[in-house]
Each structure stands twice: as structure tokens, then as C-alpha cells.
Amino acid sequence: MVVSAHVVQRLRAAGCVFAEDEARLLVDAAADAAALERLVARRVAGVPLEHLLGWAEFAGLRVAVEPGVFVPRQRTEFLAESAVSWAGPGSRVVDLCCGAGAIAAVVAASVPGVRVWASDVDPAAVRCARRTLAGTRAVVCEGDFDAALPAEWRGGSTCWWRTCRMCRVRRSRGCRLRRGGTSRVLR
């Protein structure tokens, strides 16, 4: 399918700043003209582009997203780059409250031999993280904070977590990963 000027105009009228780029992505995602019309109508109605596509670009990787799961932001790429710079081959990295698994994916793709474990309490986020991290050696689990991590990871691991509303429980519960390990808080 070819991107039509009409689709671009509709997207631009709805406030899509990058209407041409979005139109190309929607055309690529649509199986036929009817599917394209449904996608454009939903985008014009305000559905995030990434939720329509089922993925977001993050640090050059595709991160799976779906409704109810936060779309990773470009400014978070700095945190992923920081995690990569701190992690080394053979290290253990834990991404607590991983969401769609964006930071864990960048670490897994960038650090040879790293062992990555990602967890989130939200089932939708865990589904996305599993799709994002498929094909890597990373392990994704569903659980409250660090409760789902293997016992041997609870001491001597490098712990990465982001401070988000759901993860602020860390302050009241304590992170079991701190004992014998290194903690870095990514804000």
C-alpha cells in the first residue's frame, strides 16, 4: 500500500506532529485498506501509535507494548546506557518494575555474557517484556518487586531499579538484593 496524502492530512489534523512517519508505519502495519482505515481512525481518536503497532522503538530495538503498558520514553535511553556502562560481562543485572523490558533488552543486547533477570507485578507488562526479551538469555518473571527472583540472586547481584510509583515499596520493604551486592538506583 502507498501512503496517501489523505491519511497524512487526517493525522496532521488530529495533531500528529510526525504525520508522514506515522502514516508510513500504519501503512506497513495494515494488512489491507480496511485495516489501515481502522488504524487511522483509532490514531485520530488518540490511541498511542505504539499501542496500534504493538511495539515502540527504544535505543534501536523494538520493545513490545500493548494497551495498559507504558510506552518506553526516549529519555529513558540514558538510563539504559548507564546500566550498560555499569554492567560487565558475566555480571548479574536485575531490572525490577521492568515494564515492557526496554532497559533489560538494551543491557542484554549490549553486554556480552550478562545475566539479566526482569520482573514486574503487572501481567500485561510481563507479557510485553517476555516478547521484548525473546531470543535473549534474559529471564522475565511476574512477581511483587524482587519476590520472584531466585534465592541465589538475592545476595551479590547488581540491582537496577527505576523509581516509579509502584516500586516505591522498596523504601518500606527493603531490597533483599542489597546484601553483598551493588545497588544502583536509576531515576
Protein backbone atom coordinates (compact mmCIF):
# COMPACT_ATOMS: atom_id res chain seq x y z
CA MET A 1 0.00 0.00 0.00
CA VAL A 2 1.10 3.53 -0.69
CA VAL A 3 0.82 6.33 1.85
CA SER A 4 -1.90 8.67 0.68
CA ALA A 5 -1.95 12.41 1.23
CA HIS A 6 -5.43 11.98 2.72
CA VAL A 7 -4.08 9.75 5.54
CA VAL A 8 -1.30 12.25 6.26
CA GLN A 9 -3.81 15.12 6.33
CA ARG A 10 -6.10 13.27 8.74
CA LEU A 11 -3.20 12.52 11.08
CA ARG A 12 -1.89 16.08 10.91
CA ALA A 13 -5.38 17.49 11.59
CA ALA A 14 -5.56 15.26 14.67
CA GLY A 15 -2.33 16.81 15.98
CA CYS A 16 0.19 14.17 14.95
CA VAL A 17 3.42 16.15 14.59
CA PHE A 18 5.18 13.45 12.58
CA ALA A 19 2.17 12.62 10.40
CA GLU A 20 4.21 11.39 7.41
CA ASP A 21 6.26 8.99 9.54
CA GLU A 22 3.20 7.74 11.39
CA ALA A 23 1.33 7.22 8.12
CA ARG A 24 4.18 5.07 6.78
CA LEU A 25 4.23 2.98 9.94
CA LEU A 26 0.46 2.49 9.88
CA VAL A 27 0.53 1.52 6.18
CA ASP A 28 3.26 -1.04 6.93
CA ALA A 29 1.23 -2.45 9.82
CA ALA A 30 -2.05 -2.72 7.92
CA ALA A 31 -2.91 -5.92 6.06
CA ASP A 32 -5.30 -4.12 3.70
CA ALA A 33 -7.13 -0.84 3.10
CA ALA A 34 -9.87 -1.66 5.62
CA ALA A 35 -7.29 -2.41 8.32
CA LEU A 36 -5.49 0.84 7.52
CA GLU A 37 -8.73 2.77 7.90
CA ARG A 38 -9.33 1.20 11.33
CA LEU A 39 -5.78 2.04 12.44
CA VAL A 40 -6.01 5.63 11.21
CA ALA A 41 -9.41 6.12 12.87
CA ARG A 42 -8.06 4.83 16.18
CA ARG A 43 -4.95 7.02 15.91
CA VAL A 44 -7.06 10.09 15.12
CA ALA A 45 -9.16 9.21 18.19
CA GLY A 46 -5.99 9.44 20.32
CA VAL A 47 -4.80 5.86 20.70
CA PRO A 48 -0.99 5.94 21.05
CA LEU A 49 0.77 4.95 17.84
CA GLU A 50 2.89 2.38 19.68
CA HIS A 51 -0.19 0.60 21.01
CA LEU A 52 -1.58 0.40 17.48
CA LEU A 53 1.68 -1.02 16.16
CA GLY A 54 2.31 -3.28 19.15
CA TRP A 55 5.86 -2.01 19.56
CA ALA A 56 7.95 1.07 20.31
CA GLU A 57 11.48 1.82 19.16
CA PHE A 58 13.88 2.14 22.07
CA ALA A 59 17.63 2.53 21.68
CA GLY A 60 17.43 0.91 18.25
CA LEU A 61 15.42 -2.09 19.50
CA ARG A 62 11.75 -2.95 19.15
CA VAL A 63 10.04 -3.16 22.51
CA ALA A 64 6.65 -4.88 22.65
CA VAL A 65 3.82 -2.77 24.08
CA GLU A 66 0.09 -3.15 24.43
CA PRO A 67 -2.72 -1.10 25.97
CA GLY A 68 -2.17 -0.69 29.70
CA VAL A 69 1.61 -0.89 29.42
CA PHE A 70 3.67 2.28 29.48
CA VAL A 71 5.47 3.13 26.24
CA PRO A 72 9.20 3.45 27.00
CA ARG A 73 10.33 7.03 26.55
CA GLN A 74 13.37 8.14 24.61
CA ARG A 75 14.71 9.97 27.63
CA THR A 76 14.88 6.62 29.43
CA GLU A 77 17.53 5.53 26.91
CA PHE A 78 20.03 7.42 29.08
CA LEU A 79 19.21 5.06 31.95
CA ALA A 80 19.69 2.05 29.70
CA GLU A 81 23.06 3.41 28.53
CA SER A 82 24.06 3.95 32.17
CA ALA A 83 23.12 0.38 33.05
CA VAL A 84 25.19 -0.87 30.09
CA SER A 85 28.19 1.17 31.22
CA TRP A 86 27.98 -0.23 34.77
CA ALA A 87 27.38 -3.86 33.82
CA GLY A 88 30.18 -6.10 32.69
CA PRO A 89 30.47 -9.48 31.01
CA GLY A 90 29.27 -12.18 33.38
CA SER A 91 27.55 -9.77 35.75
CA ARG A 92 24.02 -10.23 37.03
CA VAL A 93 21.60 -7.40 36.33
CA VAL A 94 18.11 -7.19 37.74
CA ASP A 95 15.53 -4.82 36.27
CA LEU A 96 12.80 -4.54 38.89
CA CYS A 97 9.50 -3.00 37.76
CA CYS A 98 10.74 -3.69 34.22
CA GLY A 99 7.56 -2.69 32.40
CA ALA A 100 7.90 -3.73 28.76
CA GLY A 101 11.52 -4.76 29.36
CA ALA A 102 13.21 -1.91 27.49
CA ILE A 103 16.18 -1.40 29.82
CA ALA A 104 16.68 -5.14 30.28
CA ALA A 105 16.64 -5.58 26.49
CA VAL A 106 19.31 -2.94 25.93
CA VAL A 107 21.53 -4.47 28.61
CA ALA A 108 21.01 -8.00 27.24
CA ALA A 109 21.80 -6.84 23.69
CA SER A 110 24.80 -4.71 24.64
CA VAL A 111 26.76 -6.60 27.31
CA PRO A 112 28.19 -9.98 26.26
CA GLY A 113 27.64 -12.74 28.80
CA VAL A 114 25.47 -10.68 31.12
CA ARG A 115 22.76 -12.47 33.07
CA VAL A 116 19.58 -10.41 33.07
CA TRP A 117 16.51 -11.00 35.20
CA ALA A 118 13.49 -8.75 34.75
CA SER A 119 10.39 -8.71 36.90
CA ASP A 120 7.15 -6.80 37.14
CA VAL A 121 3.96 -7.23 39.12
CA ASP A 122 1.68 -6.37 36.17
CA PRO A 123 0.71 -9.34 33.94
CA ALA A 124 0.40 -7.15 30.82
CA ALA A 125 3.88 -5.71 31.37
CA VAL A 126 5.28 -9.21 31.89
CA ARG A 127 3.71 -10.39 28.60
CA CYS A 128 5.34 -7.47 26.79
CA ALA A 129 8.70 -7.99 28.49
CA ARG A 130 8.67 -11.67 27.50
CA ARG A 131 8.04 -10.71 23.86
CA THR A 132 10.70 -7.99 24.02
CA LEU A 133 13.31 -10.28 25.56
CA ALA A 134 12.52 -13.38 23.48
CA GLY A 135 15.67 -14.68 21.88
CA THR A 136 17.92 -13.39 24.66
CA ARG A 137 19.15 -15.25 27.70
CA ALA A 138 17.16 -12.89 29.93
CA VAL A 139 14.57 -14.32 32.30
CA VAL A 140 11.28 -12.49 32.84
CA CYS A 141 9.08 -13.25 35.80
CA GLU A 142 5.88 -11.95 37.31
CA GLY A 143 6.10 -11.06 40.93
CA ASP A 144 5.96 -8.39 43.55
CA PHE A 145 9.23 -6.45 43.49
CA ASP A 146 12.07 -8.97 43.98
CA ALA A 147 9.99 -11.84 45.42
CA ALA A 148 10.08 -13.79 42.14
CA LEU A 149 13.87 -13.76 41.86
CA PRO A 150 15.84 -16.93 42.52
CA ALA A 151 17.27 -17.17 46.05
CA GLU A 152 20.87 -17.16 44.79
CA TRP A 153 20.29 -13.75 43.19
CA ARG A 154 19.25 -12.13 46.44
CA GLY A 155 22.84 -11.56 47.51
CA GLY A 156 25.74 -10.43 45.37
CA SER A 157 23.71 -9.11 42.44
CA THR A 158 23.85 -5.74 40.85
CA CYS A 159 20.37 -4.39 41.30
CA TRP A 160 18.90 -1.83 38.90
CA TRP A 161 15.53 -0.39 39.53
CA ARG A 162 13.68 2.67 38.50
CA THR A 163 11.85 4.78 40.97
CA CYS A 164 8.26 4.63 39.90
CA ARG A 165 5.06 4.80 41.87
CA MET A 166 4.69 1.02 42.04
CA CYS A 167 8.32 0.48 43.01
CA ARG A 168 8.41 2.95 45.86
CA VAL A 169 7.51 -0.01 48.07
CA ARG A 170 11.27 -0.63 48.08
CA ARG A 171 11.68 2.07 50.70
CA SER A 172 9.28 0.41 53.10
CA ARG A 173 10.28 -3.21 52.45
CA GLY A 174 13.97 -3.03 51.73
CA CYS A 175 15.60 -4.64 48.76
CA ARG A 176 16.82 -8.13 49.52
CA LEU A 177 19.35 -7.79 46.71
CA ARG A 178 21.46 -5.26 48.60
CA ARG A 179 23.12 -7.76 50.93
CA GLY A 180 26.53 -8.50 49.40
CA GLY A 181 25.74 -6.82 46.11
CA THR A 182 25.76 -3.46 44.48
CA SER A 183 22.67 -1.33 44.12
CA ARG A 184 22.20 1.48 41.69
CA VAL A 185 19.02 3.50 41.60
CA LEU A 186 18.04 4.75 38.16
CA ARG A 187 15.69 7.73 38.28
